[in-house]
Amino acid sequence: MLIRTVFVMGQFKIALCQLSVTSDKNQNLDRASRSIRFSVEQGAKLVVLPEMWNCPYSSDYFAKYAEDFDNRDASPTWSMLSEAACCHGITIIGGSLPEWDHGRLYNTCCIFGPDGKLKAKHRKIHLFDIDIPGEISFKESDTFTAGDQPTIVDTEVGRIGIGICHDIRFPELAALYRKRGVDIICYPGAFNMSTGELLWELVQRARAVDNQLFVATCSPSRNSTGSYTIWGHSTLVGPSGEIIVTSGHEETTVIAEIDYSNIQLQRKSLPLDDQKREDIYKFIDVHELNP
């Protein structure tokens, strides 16, 4: 999915709203609304919410809290995000929500523009299935249907690529976004304690430095309801792989300045696109490298 509008900004503030999620949906919506309002008061033009913030991250809750976005009267989360974007005149990356569509359940991120209209919708492409004996066993594919489209949206704060949590583990998706001129990739996510400590910062910095663009992640806080313990640490990474801002694991909203001129500076200093050897990559036989 590629949505086009006119980009008119190069410098702006981003807010990452690391929310504490409860089993009370209305309370979750109220917390998100207040965090969005606080972000705007701090000057943010782009607000990012976490993965699965309107319900606990648990297969026991996903279907119960899911919304059919085509039925707006029965979609309070969708409506709140739309109204907040319009009221405050900002772009909102709406984290992710469980979405019902024709009997199927998706892990979906909605992007709203300053007019409150839906600009794009990303369904999580790579579903998170993990089994670490003695630590964690979770199979997202038992509940959700995988999306099948990358999502790029042109907004008033640049061209944005969207991924959800486990999507960040796949460099091919980020490379595709880079080739299509994305300025920043936003990944709402909810890494667990095992993968979070080992990989969360690593993969963010890798996606950013390999593609010389900004990467923003937003997680629920660790004290969220449910048996799935969340790592937290919402982060903004710059195009040279530097951490610009990061949170701890508690509920908080972090604000940072983005300057897209740093992308061109990095690419001019280290012109990776000019140095790539596509003539070699496409002809390499893996079996020749590992006989």
C-alpha atoms as a PDB file:
ATOM      1  CA  MET A   1       0.000   0.000   0.000  1.00  0.00           C
ATOM      2  CA  LEU A   2       1.451   3.379  -1.034  1.00  0.00           C
ATOM      3  CA  ILE A   3      -0.400   6.541  -0.051  1.00  0.00           C
ATOM      4  CA  ARG A   4       0.831   9.880  -1.417  1.00  0.00           C
ATOM      5  CA  THR A   5       0.436  13.431  -0.127  1.00  0.00           C
ATOM      6  CA  VAL A   6       2.750  16.429  -0.031  1.00  0.00           C
ATOM      7  CA  PHE A   7       5.648  16.512   2.449  1.00  0.00           C
ATOM      8  CA  VAL A   8       6.288  20.011   3.747  1.00  0.00           C
ATOM      9  CA  MET A   9       8.486  19.555   6.835  1.00  0.00           C
ATOM     10  CA  GLY A  10      12.113  18.642   7.460  1.00  0.00           C
ATOM     11  CA  GLN A  11      12.371  19.259  11.198  1.00  0.00           C
ATOM     12  CA  PHE A  12       9.734  18.314  13.747  1.00  0.00           C
ATOM     13  CA  LYS A  13       9.143  16.667  17.100  1.00  0.00           C
ATOM     14  CA  ILE A  14       8.113  13.038  17.495  1.00  0.00           C
ATOM     15  CA  ALA A  15       6.447  11.554  20.577  1.00  0.00           C
ATOM     16  CA  LEU A  16       6.623   7.901  21.605  1.00  0.00           C
ATOM     17  CA  CYS A  17       3.794   7.115  24.029  1.00  0.00           C
ATOM     18  CA  GLN A  18       4.782   4.100  26.129  1.00  0.00           C
ATOM     19  CA  LEU A  19       1.441   3.213  27.679  1.00  0.00           C
ATOM     20  CA  SER A  20       0.556   0.974  30.592  1.00  0.00           C
ATOM     21  CA  VAL A  21      -2.161  -1.367  29.319  1.00  0.00           C
ATOM     22  CA  THR A  22      -4.972  -2.685  31.531  1.00  0.00           C
ATOM     23  CA  SER A  23      -7.892  -5.040  30.983  1.00  0.00           C
ATOM     24  CA  ASP A  24     -10.230  -2.013  30.961  1.00  0.00           C
ATOM     25  CA  LYS A  25     -10.536  -0.856  27.351  1.00  0.00           C
ATOM     26  CA  ASN A  26     -12.044   2.522  28.220  1.00  0.00           C
ATOM     27  CA  GLN A  27      -9.209   3.197  30.635  1.00  0.00           C
ATOM     28  CA  ASN A  28      -6.682   2.339  27.927  1.00  0.00           C
ATOM     29  CA  LEU A  29      -8.343   4.752  25.511  1.00  0.00           C
ATOM     30  CA  ASP A  30      -8.354   7.491  28.143  1.00  0.00           C
ATOM     31  CA  ARG A  31      -4.646   6.985  28.865  1.00  0.00           C
ATOM     32  CA  ALA A  32      -3.806   7.109  25.184  1.00  0.00           C
ATOM     33  CA  SER A  33      -5.880  10.249  24.675  1.00  0.00           C
ATOM     34  CA  ARG A  34      -4.136  11.993  27.569  1.00  0.00           C
ATOM     35  CA  SER A  35      -0.705  10.943  26.290  1.00  0.00           C
ATOM     36  CA  ILE A  36      -1.507  12.285  22.837  1.00  0.00           C
ATOM     37  CA  ARG A  37      -2.651  15.587  24.340  1.00  0.00           C
ATOM     38  CA  PHE A  38       0.538  15.819  26.421  1.00  0.00           C
ATOM     39  CA  SER A  39       2.629  15.109  23.304  1.00  0.00           C
ATOM     40  CA  VAL A  40       0.952  17.952  21.435  1.00  0.00           C
ATOM     41  CA  GLU A  41       1.552  20.305  24.362  1.00  0.00           C
ATOM     42  CA  GLN A  42       5.265  19.468  24.029  1.00  0.00           C
ATOM     43  CA  GLY A  43       5.154  20.369  20.334  1.00  0.00           C
ATOM     44  CA  ALA A  44       4.990  16.916  18.738  1.00  0.00           C
ATOM     45  CA  LYS A  45       3.712  16.701  15.166  1.00  0.00           C
ATOM     46  CA  LEU A  46       4.084  12.921  14.896  1.00  0.00           C
ATOM     47  CA  VAL A  47       2.766  10.694  17.705  1.00  0.00           C
ATOM     48  CA  VAL A  48       3.444   6.951  17.843  1.00  0.00           C
ATOM     49  CA  LEU A  49       1.509   4.505  20.035  1.00  0.00           C
ATOM     50  CA  PRO A  50       2.508   0.942  21.049  1.00  0.00           C
ATOM     51  CA  GLU A  51       1.550  -2.458  19.733  1.00  0.00           C
ATOM     52  CA  MET A  52      -1.703  -3.770  21.229  1.00  0.00           C
ATOM     53  CA  TRP A  53      -2.377  -0.861  23.545  1.00  0.00           C
ATOM     54  CA  ASN A  54      -6.171  -1.064  23.757  1.00  0.00           C
ATOM     55  CA  CYS A  55      -5.996  -4.584  25.223  1.00  0.00           C
ATOM     56  CA  PRO A  56      -3.485  -6.766  27.062  1.00  0.00           C
ATOM     57  CA  TYR A  57      -1.028  -8.629  24.817  1.00  0.00           C
ATOM     58  CA  SER A  58      -2.646 -12.029  25.236  1.00  0.00           C
ATOM     59  CA  SER A  59      -4.567 -14.397  22.993  1.00  0.00           C
ATOM     60  CA  ASP A  60      -7.272 -14.393  25.676  1.00  0.00           C
ATOM     61  CA  TYR A  61      -8.066 -10.743  24.890  1.00  0.00           C
ATOM     62  CA  PHE A  62      -7.405 -10.185  21.176  1.00  0.00           C
ATOM     63  CA  ALA A  63     -10.737 -11.360  19.773  1.00  0.00           C
ATOM     64  CA  LYS A  64     -12.718  -9.852  22.661  1.00  0.00           C
ATOM     65  CA  TYR A  65     -11.226  -6.374  22.147  1.00  0.00           C
ATOM     66  CA  ALA A  66     -11.060  -6.460  18.335  1.00  0.00           C
ATOM     67  CA  GLU A  67     -12.908  -3.872  16.241  1.00  0.00           C
ATOM     68  CA  ASP A  68     -14.352  -3.897  12.736  1.00  0.00           C
ATOM     69  CA  PHE A  69     -13.021  -0.632  11.349  1.00  0.00           C
ATOM     70  CA  ASP A  70     -15.739  -0.543   8.686  1.00  0.00           C
ATOM     71  CA  ASN A  71     -18.298  -0.232  11.482  1.00  0.00           C
ATOM     72  CA  ARG A  72     -17.183   3.072  12.974  1.00  0.00           C
ATOM     73  CA  ASP A  73     -20.019   3.213  15.499  1.00  0.00           C
ATOM     74  CA  ALA A  74     -18.673   0.018  17.076  1.00  0.00           C
ATOM     75  CA  SER A  75     -14.994   0.995  16.835  1.00  0.00           C
ATOM     76  CA  PRO A  76     -14.251   3.328  19.757  1.00  0.00           C
ATOM     77  CA  THR A  77     -10.482   2.997  19.435  1.00  0.00           C
ATOM     78  CA  TRP A  78     -10.515   3.883  15.743  1.00  0.00           C
ATOM     79  CA  SER A  79     -12.828   6.828  16.448  1.00  0.00           C
ATOM     80  CA  MET A  80     -10.693   8.162  19.296  1.00  0.00           C
ATOM     81  CA  LEU A  81      -7.548   8.147  17.154  1.00  0.00           C
ATOM     82  CA  SER A  82      -9.313   9.858  14.267  1.00  0.00           C
ATOM     83  CA  GLU A  83     -10.764  12.547  16.527  1.00  0.00           C
ATOM     84  CA  ALA A  84      -7.433  13.130  18.296  1.00  0.00           C
ATOM     85  CA  ALA A  85      -5.537  13.546  15.032  1.00  0.00           C
ATOM     86  CA  CYS A  86      -8.114  16.020  13.741  1.00  0.00           C
ATOM     87  CA  CYS A  87      -8.500  17.928  17.020  1.00  0.00           C
ATOM     88  CA  HIS A  88      -4.755  18.419  17.450  1.00  0.00           C
ATOM     89  CA  GLY A  89      -3.820  18.692  13.771  1.00  0.00           C
ATOM     90  CA  ILE A  90      -1.152  15.965  13.933  1.00  0.00           C
ATOM     91  CA  THR A  91      -0.183  12.680  12.316  1.00  0.00           C
ATOM     92  CA  ILE A  92      -0.803   9.631  14.510  1.00  0.00           C
ATOM     93  CA  ILE A  93       0.760   6.211  14.043  1.00  0.00           C
ATOM     94  CA  GLY A  94      -1.937   4.411  15.991  1.00  0.00           C
ATOM     95  CA  GLY A  95       0.181   1.600  17.387  1.00  0.00           C
ATOM     96  CA  SER A  96      -1.586  -1.651  16.645  1.00  0.00           C
ATOM     97  CA  LEU A  97      -5.041  -2.969  17.413  1.00  0.00           C
ATOM     98  CA  PRO A  98      -6.810  -6.297  16.952  1.00  0.00           C
ATOM     99  CA  GLU A  99      -8.982  -5.901  13.849  1.00  0.00           C
ATOM    100  CA  TRP A 100     -11.874  -8.068  12.665  1.00  0.00           C
ATOM    101  CA  ASP A 101     -12.372  -8.246   8.912  1.00  0.00           C
ATOM    102  CA  HIS A 102     -14.636 -10.821   7.260  1.00  0.00           C
ATOM    103  CA  GLY A 103     -14.205 -13.301  10.065  1.00  0.00           C
ATOM    104  CA  ARG A 104     -10.440 -12.955  10.268  1.00  0.00           C
ATOM    105  CA  LEU A 105      -8.392 -11.347  13.001  1.00  0.00           C
ATOM    106  CA  TYR A 106      -5.447  -9.070  12.129  1.00  0.00           C
ATOM    107  CA  ASN A 107      -2.808  -7.185  14.109  1.00  0.00           C
ATOM    108  CA  THR A 108      -3.300  -3.781  12.495  1.00  0.00           C
ATOM    109  CA  CYS A 109      -1.749  -0.318  12.619  1.00  0.00           C
ATOM    110  CA  CYS A 110      -3.843   2.657  11.480  1.00  0.00           C
ATOM    111  CA  ILE A 111      -2.256   5.943  10.404  1.00  0.00           C
ATOM    112  CA  PHE A 112      -4.318   9.136  10.686  1.00  0.00           C
ATOM    113  CA  GLY A 113      -3.572  12.535   9.185  1.00  0.00           C
ATOM    114  CA  PRO A 114      -4.210  16.017  10.668  1.00  0.00           C
ATOM    115  CA  ASP A 115      -7.663  16.021   9.084  1.00  0.00           C
ATOM    116  CA  GLY A 116      -8.588  12.926  11.071  1.00  0.00           C
ATOM    117  CA  LYS A 117      -8.872  10.755   7.985  1.00  0.00           C
ATOM    118  CA  LEU A 118      -7.324   7.306   7.736  1.00  0.00           C
ATOM    119  CA  LYS A 119      -4.239   7.621   5.528  1.00  0.00           C
ATOM    120  CA  ALA A 120      -3.106   3.989   5.569  1.00  0.00           C
ATOM    121  CA  LYS A 121      -3.519   0.677   7.356  1.00  0.00           C
ATOM    122  CA  HIS A 122      -0.740  -1.863   7.947  1.00  0.00           C
ATOM    123  CA  ARG A 123      -1.440  -5.440   8.900  1.00  0.00           C
ATOM    124  CA  LYS A 124       1.440  -7.217  10.606  1.00  0.00           C
ATOM    125  CA  ILE A 125       3.222  -9.237   7.937  1.00  0.00           C
ATOM    126  CA  HIS A 126       5.510 -11.458   9.998  1.00  0.00           C
ATOM    127  CA  LEU A 127       3.638 -13.181  12.821  1.00  0.00           C
ATOM    128  CA  PHE A 128       5.531 -13.862  16.035  1.00  0.00           C
ATOM    129  CA  ASP A 129       5.892 -17.566  16.804  1.00  0.00           C
ATOM    130  CA  ILE A 130       8.462 -18.429  19.483  1.00  0.00           C
ATOM    131  CA  ASP A 131       9.283 -21.414  21.672  1.00  0.00           C
ATOM    132  CA  ILE A 132      12.213 -21.038  24.085  1.00  0.00           C
ATOM    133  CA  PRO A 133      12.058 -23.981  26.512  1.00  0.00           C
ATOM    134  CA  GLY A 134      11.803 -22.822  30.089  1.00  0.00           C
ATOM    135  CA  GLU A 135      11.314 -19.171  29.101  1.00  0.00           C
ATOM    136  CA  ILE A 136       8.474 -18.420  26.681  1.00  0.00           C
ATOM    137  CA  SER A 137       6.164 -20.136  24.240  1.00  0.00           C
ATOM    138  CA  PHE A 138       3.819 -18.026  22.120  1.00  0.00           C
ATOM    139  CA  LYS A 139       2.318 -18.569  18.674  1.00  0.00           C
ATOM    140  CA  GLU A 140       0.704 -15.488  17.183  1.00  0.00           C
ATOM    141  CA  SER A 141      -0.226 -17.389  14.018  1.00  0.00           C
ATOM    142  CA  ASP A 142      -2.731 -19.437  16.031  1.00  0.00           C
ATOM    143  CA  THR A 143      -4.798 -16.257  16.433  1.00  0.00           C
ATOM    144  CA  PHE A 144      -3.966 -13.772  13.689  1.00  0.00           C
ATOM    145  CA  THR A 145      -3.940 -13.807   9.912  1.00  0.00           C
ATOM    146  CA  ALA A 146      -0.778 -12.317   8.424  1.00  0.00           C
ATOM    147  CA  GLY A 147      -0.899  -9.176   6.303  1.00  0.00           C
ATOM    148  CA  ASP A 148       0.531  -9.345   2.802  1.00  0.00           C
ATOM    149  CA  GLN A 149       1.402  -5.731   1.930  1.00  0.00           C
ATOM    150  CA  PRO A 150       4.196  -3.342   2.929  1.00  0.00           C
ATOM    151  CA  THR A 151       2.847   0.067   3.924  1.00  0.00           C
ATOM    152  CA  ILE A 152       4.333   3.410   2.897  1.00  0.00           C
ATOM    153  CA  VAL A 153       2.501   6.657   3.517  1.00  0.00           C
ATOM    154  CA  ASP A 154       3.422  10.221   2.601  1.00  0.00           C
ATOM    155  CA  THR A 155       2.493  12.573   5.418  1.00  0.00           C
ATOM    156  CA  GLU A 156       3.015  16.150   6.523  1.00  0.00           C
ATOM    157  CA  VAL A 157       6.055  14.853   8.453  1.00  0.00           C
ATOM    158  CA  GLY A 158       7.698  12.838   5.702  1.00  0.00           C
ATOM    159  CA  ARG A 159       7.425   9.502   3.967  1.00  0.00           C
ATOM    160  CA  ILE A 160       6.854   6.833   6.595  1.00  0.00           C
ATOM    161  CA  GLY A 161       7.222   3.064   6.383  1.00  0.00           C
ATOM    162  CA  ILE A 162       5.288   0.922   8.852  1.00  0.00           C
ATOM    163  CA  GLY A 163       6.122  -2.372  10.530  1.00  0.00           C
ATOM    164  CA  ILE A 164       4.728  -4.035  13.631  1.00  0.00           C
ATOM    165  CA  CYS A 165       7.014  -5.658  16.193  1.00  0.00           C
ATOM    166  CA  HIS A 166       8.332  -8.896  14.593  1.00  0.00           C
ATOM    167  CA  ASP A 167       8.386  -7.136  11.204  1.00  0.00           C
ATOM    168  CA  ILE A 168      11.558  -5.396  12.438  1.00  0.00           C
ATOM    169  CA  ARG A 169      13.428  -8.704  12.438  1.00  0.00           C
ATOM    170  CA  PHE A 170      13.301  -8.857   8.630  1.00  0.00           C
ATOM    171  CA  PRO A 171      15.836  -6.520   6.951  1.00  0.00           C
ATOM    172  CA  GLU A 172      14.277  -7.131   3.541  1.00  0.00           C
ATOM    173  CA  LEU A 173      11.206  -5.089   4.495  1.00  0.00           C
ATOM    174  CA  ALA A 174      13.307  -2.170   5.743  1.00  0.00           C
ATOM    175  CA  ALA A 175      15.463  -2.317   2.586  1.00  0.00           C
ATOM    176  CA  LEU A 176      12.314  -2.154   0.463  1.00  0.00           C
ATOM    177  CA  TYR A 177      11.211   0.948   2.354  1.00  0.00           C
ATOM    178  CA  ARG A 178      14.627   2.523   1.820  1.00  0.00           C
ATOM    179  CA  LYS A 179      14.438   1.887  -1.926  1.00  0.00           C
ATOM    180  CA  ARG A 180      11.042   3.592  -2.003  1.00  0.00           C
ATOM    181  CA  GLY A 181      12.327   6.754  -0.354  1.00  0.00           C
ATOM    182  CA  VAL A 182      11.119   6.334   3.219  1.00  0.00           C
ATOM    183  CA  ASP A 183      12.486   8.849   5.755  1.00  0.00           C
ATOM    184  CA  ILE A 184      11.493   7.021   8.915  1.00  0.00           C
ATOM    185  CA  ILE A 185      10.226   3.540   9.732  1.00  0.00           C
ATOM    186  CA  CYS A 186       7.857   3.307  12.685  1.00  0.00           C
ATOM    187  CA  TYR A 187       7.568  -0.024  14.462  1.00  0.00           C
ATOM    188  CA  PRO A 188       4.974  -0.311  17.226  1.00  0.00           C
ATOM    189  CA  GLY A 189       6.194  -3.354  19.142  1.00  0.00           C
ATOM    190  CA  ALA A 190       5.966  -5.444  22.290  1.00  0.00           C
ATOM    191  CA  PHE A 191       9.170  -7.438  22.599  1.00  0.00           C
ATOM    192  CA  ASN A 192       9.260  -9.781  25.588  1.00  0.00           C
ATOM    193  CA  MET A 193      11.944  -9.917  28.258  1.00  0.00           C
ATOM    194  CA  SER A 194      14.051 -12.546  26.486  1.00  0.00           C
ATOM    195  CA  THR A 195      14.092 -11.086  22.986  1.00  0.00           C
ATOM    196  CA  GLY A 196      13.970  -7.541  24.321  1.00  0.00           C
ATOM    197  CA  GLU A 197      17.184  -7.669  26.305  1.00  0.00           C
ATOM    198  CA  LEU A 198      19.019  -9.511  23.544  1.00  0.00           C
ATOM    199  CA  LEU A 199      17.678  -7.946  20.349  1.00  0.00           C
ATOM    200  CA  TRP A 200      15.445  -4.878  20.771  1.00  0.00           C
ATOM    201  CA  GLU A 201      18.150  -2.210  20.591  1.00  0.00           C
ATOM    202  CA  LEU A 202      20.305  -4.246  18.213  1.00  0.00           C
ATOM    203  CA  VAL A 203      17.722  -4.675  15.463  1.00  0.00           C
ATOM    204  CA  GLN A 204      16.564  -1.056  15.650  1.00  0.00           C
ATOM    205  CA  ARG A 205      20.090   0.234  15.182  1.00  0.00           C
ATOM    206  CA  ALA A 206      20.742  -2.310  12.435  1.00  0.00           C
ATOM    207  CA  ARG A 207      17.659  -1.321  10.421  1.00  0.00           C
ATOM    208  CA  ALA A 208      18.562   2.366  10.810  1.00  0.00           C
ATOM    209  CA  VAL A 209      22.274   2.190   9.994  1.00  0.00           C
ATOM    210  CA  ASP A 210      21.912  -0.270   7.102  1.00  0.00           C
ATOM    211  CA  ASN A 211      19.339   1.941   5.407  1.00  0.00           C
ATOM    212  CA  GLN A 212      20.579   5.325   6.662  1.00  0.00           C
ATOM    213  CA  LEU A 213      17.204   6.532   7.898  1.00  0.00           C
ATOM    214  CA  PHE A 214      15.342   7.076  11.162  1.00  0.00           C
ATOM    215  CA  VAL A 215      13.749   4.212  13.071  1.00  0.00           C
ATOM    216  CA  ALA A 216      11.160   4.783  15.804  1.00  0.00           C
ATOM    217  CA  THR A 217       9.761   2.091  18.076  1.00  0.00           C
ATOM    218  CA  CYS A 218       7.010   2.304  20.663  1.00  0.00           C
ATOM    219  CA  SER A 219       6.222  -0.378  23.231  1.00  0.00           C
ATOM    220  CA  PRO A 220       3.715  -0.805  26.027  1.00  0.00           C
ATOM    221  CA  SER A 221       5.205  -0.418  29.492  1.00  0.00           C
ATOM    222  CA  ARG A 222       6.317  -3.462  31.443  1.00  0.00           C
ATOM    223  CA  ASN A 223       3.667  -3.161  34.146  1.00  0.00           C
ATOM    224  CA  SER A 224       0.903  -3.876  31.641  1.00  0.00           C
ATOM    225  CA  THR A 225      -1.768  -6.457  32.448  1.00  0.00           C
ATOM    226  CA  GLY A 226      -1.264 -10.028  31.255  1.00  0.00           C
ATOM    227  CA  SER A 227       1.128 -12.953  31.541  1.00  0.00           C
ATOM    228  CA  TYR A 228       3.286 -11.718  28.656  1.00  0.00           C
ATOM    229  CA  THR A 229       5.997  -9.549  30.243  1.00  0.00           C
ATOM    230  CA  ILE A 230       7.006  -6.667  27.989  1.00  0.00           C
ATOM    231  CA  TRP A 231      10.504  -5.218  27.646  1.00  0.00           C
ATOM    232  CA  GLY A 232       9.524  -1.578  27.037  1.00  0.00           C
ATOM    233  CA  HIS A 233      12.326   0.834  26.037  1.00  0.00           C
ATOM    234  CA  SER A 234      10.627   2.844  23.267  1.00  0.00           C
ATOM    235  CA  THR A 235      13.393   4.349  21.161  1.00  0.00           C
ATOM    236  CA  LEU A 236      14.304   6.723  18.343  1.00  0.00           C
ATOM    237  CA  VAL A 237      17.412   5.839  16.328  1.00  0.00           C
ATOM    238  CA  GLY A 238      19.128   8.137  13.831  1.00  0.00           C
ATOM    239  CA  PRO A 239      20.489   7.333  10.350  1.00  0.00           C
ATOM    240  CA  SER A 240      24.005   6.583  11.592  1.00  0.00           C
ATOM    241  CA  GLY A 241      22.673   4.104  14.135  1.00  0.00           C
ATOM    242  CA  GLU A 242      22.866   6.488  17.080  1.00  0.00           C
ATOM    243  CA  ILE A 243      20.249   6.337  19.821  1.00  0.00           C
ATOM    244  CA  ILE A 244      18.640   9.772  19.974  1.00  0.00           C
ATOM    245  CA  VAL A 245      16.260   9.019  22.828  1.00  0.00           C
ATOM    246  CA  THR A 246      15.035   5.958  24.678  1.00  0.00           C
ATOM    247  CA  SER A 247      12.793   5.245  27.645  1.00  0.00           C
ATOM    248  CA  GLY A 248      13.031   2.806  30.485  1.00  0.00           C
ATOM    249  CA  HIS A 249      10.327   0.195  31.006  1.00  0.00           C
ATOM    250  CA  GLU A 250       7.835   2.382  32.903  1.00  0.00           C
ATOM    251  CA  GLU A 251       4.827   4.261  31.505  1.00  0.00           C
ATOM    252  CA  THR A 252       6.107   7.472  29.940  1.00  0.00           C
ATOM    253  CA  THR A 253       6.071   9.668  26.851  1.00  0.00           C
ATOM    254  CA  VAL A 254       9.398  10.579  25.286  1.00  0.00           C
ATOM    255  CA  ILE A 255       9.796  13.527  22.935  1.00  0.00           C
ATOM    256  CA  ALA A 256      12.639  14.037  20.458  1.00  0.00           C
ATOM    257  CA  GLU A 257      13.582  16.280  17.557  1.00  0.00           C
ATOM    258  CA  ILE A 258      13.957  14.789  14.081  1.00  0.00           C
ATOM    259  CA  ASP A 259      15.982  16.546  11.396  1.00  0.00           C
ATOM    260  CA  TYR A 260      15.792  14.810   8.022  1.00  0.00           C
ATOM    261  CA  SER A 261      18.866  16.692   6.763  1.00  0.00           C
ATOM    262  CA  ASN A 262      20.855  14.157   8.797  1.00  0.00           C
ATOM    263  CA  ILE A 263      19.752  11.470   6.370  1.00  0.00           C
ATOM    264  CA  GLN A 264      21.317  13.199   3.385  1.00  0.00           C
ATOM    265  CA  LEU A 265      24.403  14.094   5.395  1.00  0.00           C
ATOM    266  CA  GLN A 266      24.930  10.455   6.320  1.00  0.00           C
ATOM    267  CA  ARG A 267      24.293   9.204   2.776  1.00  0.00           C
ATOM    268  CA  LYS A 268      26.643  11.796   1.307  1.00  0.00           C
ATOM    269  CA  SER A 269      29.386  10.926   3.783  1.00  0.00           C
ATOM    270  CA  LEU A 270      28.949   7.196   3.235  1.00  0.00           C
ATOM    271  CA  PRO A 271      27.250   6.592  -0.157  1.00  0.00           C
ATOM    272  CA  LEU A 272      26.190   2.994   0.374  1.00  0.00           C
ATOM    273  CA  ASP A 273      23.805   2.975  -2.575  1.00  0.00           C
ATOM    274  CA  ASP A 274      26.650   3.869  -4.941  1.00  0.00           C
ATOM    275  CA  GLN A 275      28.864   1.203  -3.398  1.00  0.00           C
ATOM    276  CA  LYS A 276      26.416  -1.699  -3.621  1.00  0.00           C
ATOM    277  CA  ARG A 277      27.339  -4.511  -6.023  1.00  0.00           C
ATOM    278  CA  GLU A 278      23.982  -5.761  -7.226  1.00  0.00           C
ATOM    279  CA  ASP A 279      25.805  -7.350 -10.175  1.00  0.00           C
ATOM    280  CA  ILE A 280      27.488  -9.691  -7.708  1.00  0.00           C
ATOM    281  CA  TYR A 281      24.704 -10.261  -5.186  1.00  0.00           C
ATOM    282  CA  LYS A 282      22.155 -11.621  -7.657  1.00  0.00           C
ATOM    283  CA  PHE A 283      24.536 -14.207  -9.080  1.00  0.00           C
ATOM    284  CA  ILE A 284      25.888 -15.616  -5.843  1.00  0.00           C
ATOM    285  CA  ASP A 285      24.961 -19.258  -5.302  1.00  0.00           C
ATOM    286  CA  VAL A 286      24.715 -20.021  -1.595  1.00  0.00           C
ATOM    287  CA  HIS A 287      25.885 -23.597  -2.268  1.00  0.00           C
ATOM    288  CA  GLU A 288      29.067 -22.253  -3.819  1.00  0.00           C
ATOM    289  CA  LEU A 289      29.801 -20.316  -0.644  1.00  0.00           C
ATOM    290  CA  ASN A 290      29.006 -23.310   1.606  1.00  0.00           C
ATOM    291  CA  PRO A 291      29.918 -26.453  -0.342  1.00  0.00           C
END
